[in-house]
């Protein structure tokens, strides 16, 4: 039980939860049903708290104002595809089991950017732009907010690690094996897309 927050799934908008489920059909591959529901909870909570109803409503960029293609759901999907592919191909090529839980890996990939609804918040962001002396700019980057969301929804520790350190923040720790895979699945998708589509995606 989370000692700081009491989370109630019933408080989530059922339509937002259903939108998340429809957006990320790959979650149906997870064998751990309760973990799958917590992943959906986390996205629904982050969206609901920040004025969004679906992941697709956010632009498909790595950060606000950066070059975008498609919408944010496409990025989440490709990172999920990439992370599972990297791990499965390593197992196949090296003919060994490296000991990761694929359900946890999928949860990590699905939730790596769960903090973005806050970083992209359409009401709060103009305040940060107008007064960065007061708020900072942004007030929080998505990894920090993602850890908060995952903690409230009682996701396992590896998921919090990935949410918090998949981005440049990971330079300051030793990432978990899950985190290393998701980091490269994430960066690999952005910078490959940038070259394919001639996008300007800044490297932090």
C-alpha atoms as a PDB file:
ATOM      1  CA  UNK A   1       0.000   0.000   0.000  1.00  0.00           C
ATOM      2  CA  UNK A   2       1.326   3.426  -0.943  1.00  0.00           C
ATOM      3  CA  UNK A   3       1.929   5.267   2.351  1.00  0.00           C
ATOM      4  CA  UNK A   4       1.533   8.753   0.866  1.00  0.00           C
ATOM      5  CA  UNK A   5      -1.364   8.565  -1.571  1.00  0.00           C
ATOM      6  CA  UNK A   6      -4.543   6.559  -1.648  1.00  0.00           C
ATOM      7  CA  UNK A   7      -5.346   5.730  -5.238  1.00  0.00           C
ATOM      8  CA  UNK A   8      -8.857   4.736  -6.277  1.00  0.00           C
ATOM      9  CA  UNK A   9      -9.363   3.377  -9.780  1.00  0.00           C
ATOM     10  CA  UNK A  10     -13.045   4.353  -9.521  1.00  0.00           C
ATOM     11  CA  UNK A  11     -12.025   8.035  -9.494  1.00  0.00           C
ATOM     12  CA  UNK A  12     -10.694   7.775 -13.034  1.00  0.00           C
ATOM     13  CA  UNK A  13     -12.878   8.766 -15.953  1.00  0.00           C
ATOM     14  CA  UNK A  14     -13.894   5.401 -17.470  1.00  0.00           C
ATOM     15  CA  UNK A  15     -13.860   6.851 -20.981  1.00  0.00           C
ATOM     16  CA  UNK A  16     -10.252   8.003 -20.599  1.00  0.00           C
ATOM     17  CA  UNK A  17      -9.277   4.541 -19.334  1.00  0.00           C
ATOM     18  CA  UNK A  18     -11.029   2.976 -22.310  1.00  0.00           C
ATOM     19  CA  UNK A  19      -9.266   5.412 -24.663  1.00  0.00           C
ATOM     20  CA  UNK A  20      -5.892   4.299 -23.274  1.00  0.00           C
ATOM     21  CA  UNK A  21      -6.835   0.648 -23.695  1.00  0.00           C
ATOM     22  CA  UNK A  22      -7.806   1.249 -27.335  1.00  0.00           C
ATOM     23  CA  UNK A  23      -4.703   3.311 -28.028  1.00  0.00           C
ATOM     24  CA  UNK A  24      -2.304   0.654 -26.728  1.00  0.00           C
ATOM     25  CA  UNK A  25      -3.715  -2.725 -27.854  1.00  0.00           C
ATOM     26  CA  UNK A  26      -0.263  -4.290 -27.405  1.00  0.00           C
ATOM     27  CA  UNK A  27      -0.968  -4.246 -23.653  1.00  0.00           C
ATOM     28  CA  UNK A  28      -3.304  -7.193 -24.245  1.00  0.00           C
ATOM     29  CA  UNK A  29      -0.189  -9.341 -24.721  1.00  0.00           C
ATOM     30  CA  UNK A  30       0.710  -8.902 -21.051  1.00  0.00           C
ATOM     31  CA  UNK A  31       0.118 -12.011 -18.962  1.00  0.00           C
ATOM     32  CA  UNK A  32      -0.074 -10.063 -15.692  1.00  0.00           C
ATOM     33  CA  UNK A  33      -3.594  -8.627 -15.778  1.00  0.00           C
ATOM     34  CA  UNK A  34      -3.184  -6.462 -12.673  1.00  0.00           C
ATOM     35  CA  UNK A  35       0.030  -4.923 -14.011  1.00  0.00           C
ATOM     36  CA  UNK A  36      -1.749  -4.202 -17.291  1.00  0.00           C
ATOM     37  CA  UNK A  37      -4.569  -2.418 -15.438  1.00  0.00           C
ATOM     38  CA  UNK A  38      -2.046  -0.342 -13.470  1.00  0.00           C
ATOM     39  CA  UNK A  39      -0.405   0.747 -16.728  1.00  0.00           C
ATOM     40  CA  UNK A  40      -3.797   1.878 -17.994  1.00  0.00           C
ATOM     41  CA  UNK A  41      -4.506   3.582 -14.646  1.00  0.00           C
ATOM     42  CA  UNK A  42      -1.254   5.530 -14.832  1.00  0.00           C
ATOM     43  CA  UNK A  43      -1.874   6.883 -18.309  1.00  0.00           C
ATOM     44  CA  UNK A  44      -5.505   7.671 -17.485  1.00  0.00           C
ATOM     45  CA  UNK A  45      -4.524   9.501 -14.298  1.00  0.00           C
ATOM     46  CA  UNK A  46      -1.824  11.567 -15.994  1.00  0.00           C
ATOM     47  CA  UNK A  47      -4.151  12.505 -18.847  1.00  0.00           C
ATOM     48  CA  UNK A  48      -7.087  13.305 -16.574  1.00  0.00           C
ATOM     49  CA  UNK A  49      -5.060  15.494 -14.192  1.00  0.00           C
ATOM     50  CA  UNK A  50      -3.734  17.546 -17.085  1.00  0.00           C
ATOM     51  CA  UNK A  51      -6.787  18.186 -19.226  1.00  0.00           C
ATOM     52  CA  UNK A  52      -6.343  15.488 -21.880  1.00  0.00           C
ATOM     53  CA  UNK A  53      -8.674  12.642 -22.766  1.00  0.00           C
ATOM     54  CA  UNK A  54      -6.389  10.549 -24.995  1.00  0.00           C
ATOM     55  CA  UNK A  55      -2.684  10.109 -25.688  1.00  0.00           C
ATOM     56  CA  UNK A  56      -3.373  10.957 -29.353  1.00  0.00           C
ATOM     57  CA  UNK A  57      -4.282  14.532 -28.402  1.00  0.00           C
ATOM     58  CA  UNK A  58      -0.646  15.379 -27.671  1.00  0.00           C
ATOM     59  CA  UNK A  59       1.613  16.233 -30.619  1.00  0.00           C
ATOM     60  CA  UNK A  60       4.163  13.662 -31.729  1.00  0.00           C
ATOM     61  CA  UNK A  61       7.265  15.455 -30.510  1.00  0.00           C
ATOM     62  CA  UNK A  62       9.971  14.675 -27.972  1.00  0.00           C
ATOM     63  CA  UNK A  63       9.270  17.920 -26.162  1.00  0.00           C
ATOM     64  CA  UNK A  64       6.831  20.789 -26.687  1.00  0.00           C
ATOM     65  CA  UNK A  65       7.716  23.124 -29.540  1.00  0.00           C
ATOM     66  CA  UNK A  66      10.104  20.560 -31.074  1.00  0.00           C
ATOM     67  CA  UNK A  67       9.532  19.154 -34.551  1.00  0.00           C
ATOM     68  CA  UNK A  68       6.582  16.775 -34.556  1.00  0.00           C
ATOM     69  CA  UNK A  69       5.234  14.038 -36.761  1.00  0.00           C
ATOM     70  CA  UNK A  70       2.009  12.210 -36.059  1.00  0.00           C
ATOM     71  CA  UNK A  71       0.865  12.159 -32.451  1.00  0.00           C
ATOM     72  CA  UNK A  72       2.269  11.018 -29.117  1.00  0.00           C
ATOM     73  CA  UNK A  73       0.569   7.613 -29.243  1.00  0.00           C
ATOM     74  CA  UNK A  74       2.678   6.658 -32.252  1.00  0.00           C
ATOM     75  CA  UNK A  75       5.845   7.310 -30.275  1.00  0.00           C
ATOM     76  CA  UNK A  76       4.649   5.229 -27.309  1.00  0.00           C
ATOM     77  CA  UNK A  77       3.805   2.345 -29.633  1.00  0.00           C
ATOM     78  CA  UNK A  78       7.126   2.379 -31.450  1.00  0.00           C
ATOM     79  CA  UNK A  79       9.052   2.379 -28.172  1.00  0.00           C
ATOM     80  CA  UNK A  80       6.998  -0.602 -27.004  1.00  0.00           C
ATOM     81  CA  UNK A  81       7.675  -2.421 -30.297  1.00  0.00           C
ATOM     82  CA  UNK A  82      11.374  -1.535 -30.209  1.00  0.00           C
ATOM     83  CA  UNK A  83      11.984  -2.482 -26.577  1.00  0.00           C
ATOM     84  CA  UNK A  84      10.402  -5.922 -26.933  1.00  0.00           C
ATOM     85  CA  UNK A  85      12.189  -6.469 -30.247  1.00  0.00           C
ATOM     86  CA  UNK A  86      15.604  -5.550 -28.829  1.00  0.00           C
ATOM     87  CA  UNK A  87      15.187  -7.928 -25.899  1.00  0.00           C
ATOM     88  CA  UNK A  88      13.746 -10.801 -27.927  1.00  0.00           C
ATOM     89  CA  UNK A  89      16.373 -10.465 -30.641  1.00  0.00           C
ATOM     90  CA  UNK A  90      19.159 -10.496 -28.048  1.00  0.00           C
ATOM     91  CA  UNK A  91      17.730 -13.700 -26.568  1.00  0.00           C
ATOM     92  CA  UNK A  92      17.434 -15.236 -30.035  1.00  0.00           C
ATOM     93  CA  UNK A  93      20.908 -14.231 -31.242  1.00  0.00           C
ATOM     94  CA  UNK A  94      22.738 -15.185 -28.043  1.00  0.00           C
ATOM     95  CA  UNK A  95      20.548 -18.240 -27.389  1.00  0.00           C
ATOM     96  CA  UNK A  96      20.079 -17.401 -23.726  1.00  0.00           C
ATOM     97  CA  UNK A  97      17.514 -15.988 -21.339  1.00  0.00           C
ATOM     98  CA  UNK A  98      18.789 -12.758 -19.796  1.00  0.00           C
ATOM     99  CA  UNK A  99      16.250 -12.941 -16.987  1.00  0.00           C
ATOM    100  CA  UNK A 100      14.042  -9.921 -17.640  1.00  0.00           C
ATOM    101  CA  UNK A 101      10.281 -10.085 -17.192  1.00  0.00           C
ATOM    102  CA  UNK A 102       8.703  -9.166 -20.542  1.00  0.00           C
ATOM    103  CA  UNK A 103       5.548  -7.871 -18.855  1.00  0.00           C
ATOM    104  CA  UNK A 104       7.658  -5.483 -16.769  1.00  0.00           C
ATOM    105  CA  UNK A 105       9.608  -4.463 -19.875  1.00  0.00           C
ATOM    106  CA  UNK A 106       6.369  -3.734 -21.705  1.00  0.00           C
ATOM    107  CA  UNK A 107       5.070  -1.694 -18.758  1.00  0.00           C
ATOM    108  CA  UNK A 108       8.348   0.249 -18.677  1.00  0.00           C
ATOM    109  CA  UNK A 109       8.136   1.035 -22.389  1.00  0.00           C
ATOM    110  CA  UNK A 110       4.441   1.927 -22.251  1.00  0.00           C
ATOM    111  CA  UNK A 111       4.961   4.317 -19.323  1.00  0.00           C
ATOM    112  CA  UNK A 112       8.343   5.858 -20.108  1.00  0.00           C
ATOM    113  CA  UNK A 113       6.630   9.105 -21.204  1.00  0.00           C
ATOM    114  CA  UNK A 114       3.601   8.978 -18.893  1.00  0.00           C
ATOM    115  CA  UNK A 115       4.686  12.347 -17.479  1.00  0.00           C
ATOM    116  CA  UNK A 116       4.265  14.141 -20.801  1.00  0.00           C
ATOM    117  CA  UNK A 117       0.637  15.196 -20.204  1.00  0.00           C
ATOM    118  CA  UNK A 118       2.021  17.543 -17.518  1.00  0.00           C
ATOM    119  CA  UNK A 119       4.940  18.843 -19.587  1.00  0.00           C
ATOM    120  CA  UNK A 120       2.482  19.464 -22.458  1.00  0.00           C
ATOM    121  CA  UNK A 121      -0.297  20.852 -20.190  1.00  0.00           C
ATOM    122  CA  UNK A 122      -2.099  23.498 -22.263  1.00  0.00           C
ATOM    123  CA  UNK A 123      -3.135  25.566 -19.237  1.00  0.00           C
ATOM    124  CA  UNK A 124       0.053  25.433 -17.176  1.00  0.00           C
ATOM    125  CA  UNK A 125       2.659  25.694 -19.926  1.00  0.00           C
ATOM    126  CA  UNK A 126       1.813  29.322 -20.877  1.00  0.00           C
ATOM    127  CA  UNK A 127       2.402  30.303 -17.234  1.00  0.00           C
ATOM    128  CA  UNK A 128       5.878  28.748 -17.298  1.00  0.00           C
ATOM    129  CA  UNK A 129       6.714  30.511 -20.568  1.00  0.00           C
ATOM    130  CA  UNK A 130       5.473  33.846 -19.232  1.00  0.00           C
ATOM    131  CA  UNK A 131       7.312  33.641 -15.902  1.00  0.00           C
ATOM    132  CA  UNK A 132      10.162  31.175 -15.810  1.00  0.00           C
ATOM    133  CA  UNK A 133      11.613  33.069 -12.832  1.00  0.00           C
ATOM    134  CA  UNK A 134       8.639  31.888 -10.768  1.00  0.00           C
ATOM    135  CA  UNK A 135       7.970  28.451 -12.264  1.00  0.00           C
ATOM    136  CA  UNK A 136      11.045  27.307 -14.141  1.00  0.00           C
ATOM    137  CA  UNK A 137      10.725  26.244 -17.755  1.00  0.00           C
ATOM    138  CA  UNK A 138       9.267  23.711 -17.769  1.00  0.00           C
ATOM    139  CA  UNK A 139       8.104  23.519 -14.175  1.00  0.00           C
ATOM    140  CA  UNK A 140       8.876  19.765 -14.273  1.00  0.00           C
ATOM    141  CA  UNK A 141      10.174  17.689 -17.117  1.00  0.00           C
ATOM    142  CA  UNK A 142       8.142  14.617 -17.925  1.00  0.00           C
ATOM    143  CA  UNK A 143      10.480  12.085 -16.245  1.00  0.00           C
ATOM    144  CA  UNK A 144       9.956  13.693 -12.821  1.00  0.00           C
ATOM    145  CA  UNK A 145       6.202  13.832 -13.216  1.00  0.00           C
ATOM    146  CA  UNK A 146       6.178  10.300 -14.598  1.00  0.00           C
ATOM    147  CA  UNK A 147       7.775   8.979 -11.401  1.00  0.00           C
ATOM    148  CA  UNK A 148       5.036  10.703  -9.395  1.00  0.00           C
ATOM    149  CA  UNK A 149       2.281   9.133 -11.505  1.00  0.00           C
ATOM    150  CA  UNK A 150       3.825   5.659 -11.436  1.00  0.00           C
ATOM    151  CA  UNK A 151       4.319   5.890  -7.682  1.00  0.00           C
ATOM    152  CA  UNK A 152       0.723   6.908  -7.033  1.00  0.00           C
ATOM    153  CA  UNK A 153      -0.489   3.993  -9.160  1.00  0.00           C
ATOM    154  CA  UNK A 154       1.824   1.580  -7.298  1.00  0.00           C
ATOM    155  CA  UNK A 155       3.781   0.419 -10.336  1.00  0.00           C
ATOM    156  CA  UNK A 156       6.839  -1.747  -9.566  1.00  0.00           C
ATOM    157  CA  UNK A 157      10.212  -0.117  -8.889  1.00  0.00           C
ATOM    158  CA  UNK A 158      11.715  -0.933 -12.335  1.00  0.00           C
ATOM    159  CA  UNK A 159       8.912   1.065 -13.975  1.00  0.00           C
ATOM    160  CA  UNK A 160       9.623   4.098 -11.780  1.00  0.00           C
ATOM    161  CA  UNK A 161      13.317   3.844 -12.669  1.00  0.00           C
ATOM    162  CA  UNK A 162      12.547   3.891 -16.394  1.00  0.00           C
ATOM    163  CA  UNK A 163       9.986   6.691 -16.133  1.00  0.00           C
ATOM    164  CA  UNK A 164      12.511   8.819 -14.273  1.00  0.00           C
ATOM    165  CA  UNK A 165      15.736   8.022 -16.103  1.00  0.00           C
ATOM    166  CA  UNK A 166      15.032   7.028 -19.724  1.00  0.00           C
ATOM    167  CA  UNK A 167      15.919  10.579 -20.822  1.00  0.00           C
ATOM    168  CA  UNK A 168      19.133  12.592 -20.242  1.00  0.00           C
ATOM    169  CA  UNK A 169      18.435  12.421 -16.495  1.00  0.00           C
ATOM    170  CA  UNK A 170      19.797   8.880 -16.792  1.00  0.00           C
ATOM    171  CA  UNK A 171      23.324  10.249 -17.112  1.00  0.00           C
ATOM    172  CA  UNK A 172      23.365  10.690 -13.347  1.00  0.00           C
ATOM    173  CA  UNK A 173      22.609   7.087 -12.361  1.00  0.00           C
ATOM    174  CA  UNK A 174      23.292   3.539 -13.494  1.00  0.00           C
ATOM    175  CA  UNK A 175      20.160   2.604 -15.399  1.00  0.00           C
ATOM    176  CA  UNK A 176      18.502  -0.755 -14.861  1.00  0.00           C
ATOM    177  CA  UNK A 177      18.635  -3.284 -17.696  1.00  0.00           C
ATOM    178  CA  UNK A 178      15.012  -2.387 -18.444  1.00  0.00           C
ATOM    179  CA  UNK A 179      16.012   1.264 -18.500  1.00  0.00           C
ATOM    180  CA  UNK A 180      18.931   0.714 -20.871  1.00  0.00           C
ATOM    181  CA  UNK A 181      16.726  -1.119 -23.358  1.00  0.00           C
ATOM    182  CA  UNK A 182      13.951   1.495 -23.208  1.00  0.00           C
ATOM    183  CA  UNK A 183      16.467   4.346 -23.463  1.00  0.00           C
ATOM    184  CA  UNK A 184      17.813   3.002 -26.766  1.00  0.00           C
ATOM    185  CA  UNK A 185      14.347   2.051 -28.002  1.00  0.00           C
ATOM    186  CA  UNK A 186      13.303   5.646 -27.301  1.00  0.00           C
ATOM    187  CA  UNK A 187      16.313   7.517 -28.681  1.00  0.00           C
ATOM    188  CA  UNK A 188      16.641   5.129 -31.602  1.00  0.00           C
ATOM    189  CA  UNK A 189      13.085   5.817 -32.678  1.00  0.00           C
ATOM    190  CA  UNK A 190      13.385   9.623 -32.394  1.00  0.00           C
ATOM    191  CA  UNK A 191      16.672  10.043 -34.203  1.00  0.00           C
ATOM    192  CA  UNK A 192      15.888   7.480 -36.897  1.00  0.00           C
ATOM    193  CA  UNK A 193      12.589   9.275 -37.519  1.00  0.00           C
ATOM    194  CA  UNK A 194      14.392  12.611 -37.633  1.00  0.00           C
ATOM    195  CA  UNK A 195      16.714  11.366 -40.390  1.00  0.00           C
ATOM    196  CA  UNK A 196      13.917   9.675 -42.327  1.00  0.00           C
ATOM    197  CA  UNK A 197      11.647  12.730 -42.224  1.00  0.00           C
ATOM    198  CA  UNK A 198      14.212  15.546 -42.027  1.00  0.00           C
ATOM    199  CA  UNK A 199      12.976  16.697 -38.630  1.00  0.00           C
ATOM    200  CA  UNK A 200      14.846  18.932 -36.216  1.00  0.00           C
ATOM    201  CA  UNK A 201      14.873  16.920 -32.982  1.00  0.00           C
ATOM    202  CA  UNK A 202      17.230  18.451 -30.403  1.00  0.00           C
ATOM    203  CA  UNK A 203      19.641  16.190 -28.541  1.00  0.00           C
ATOM    204  CA  UNK A 204      19.657  17.166 -24.869  1.00  0.00           C
END
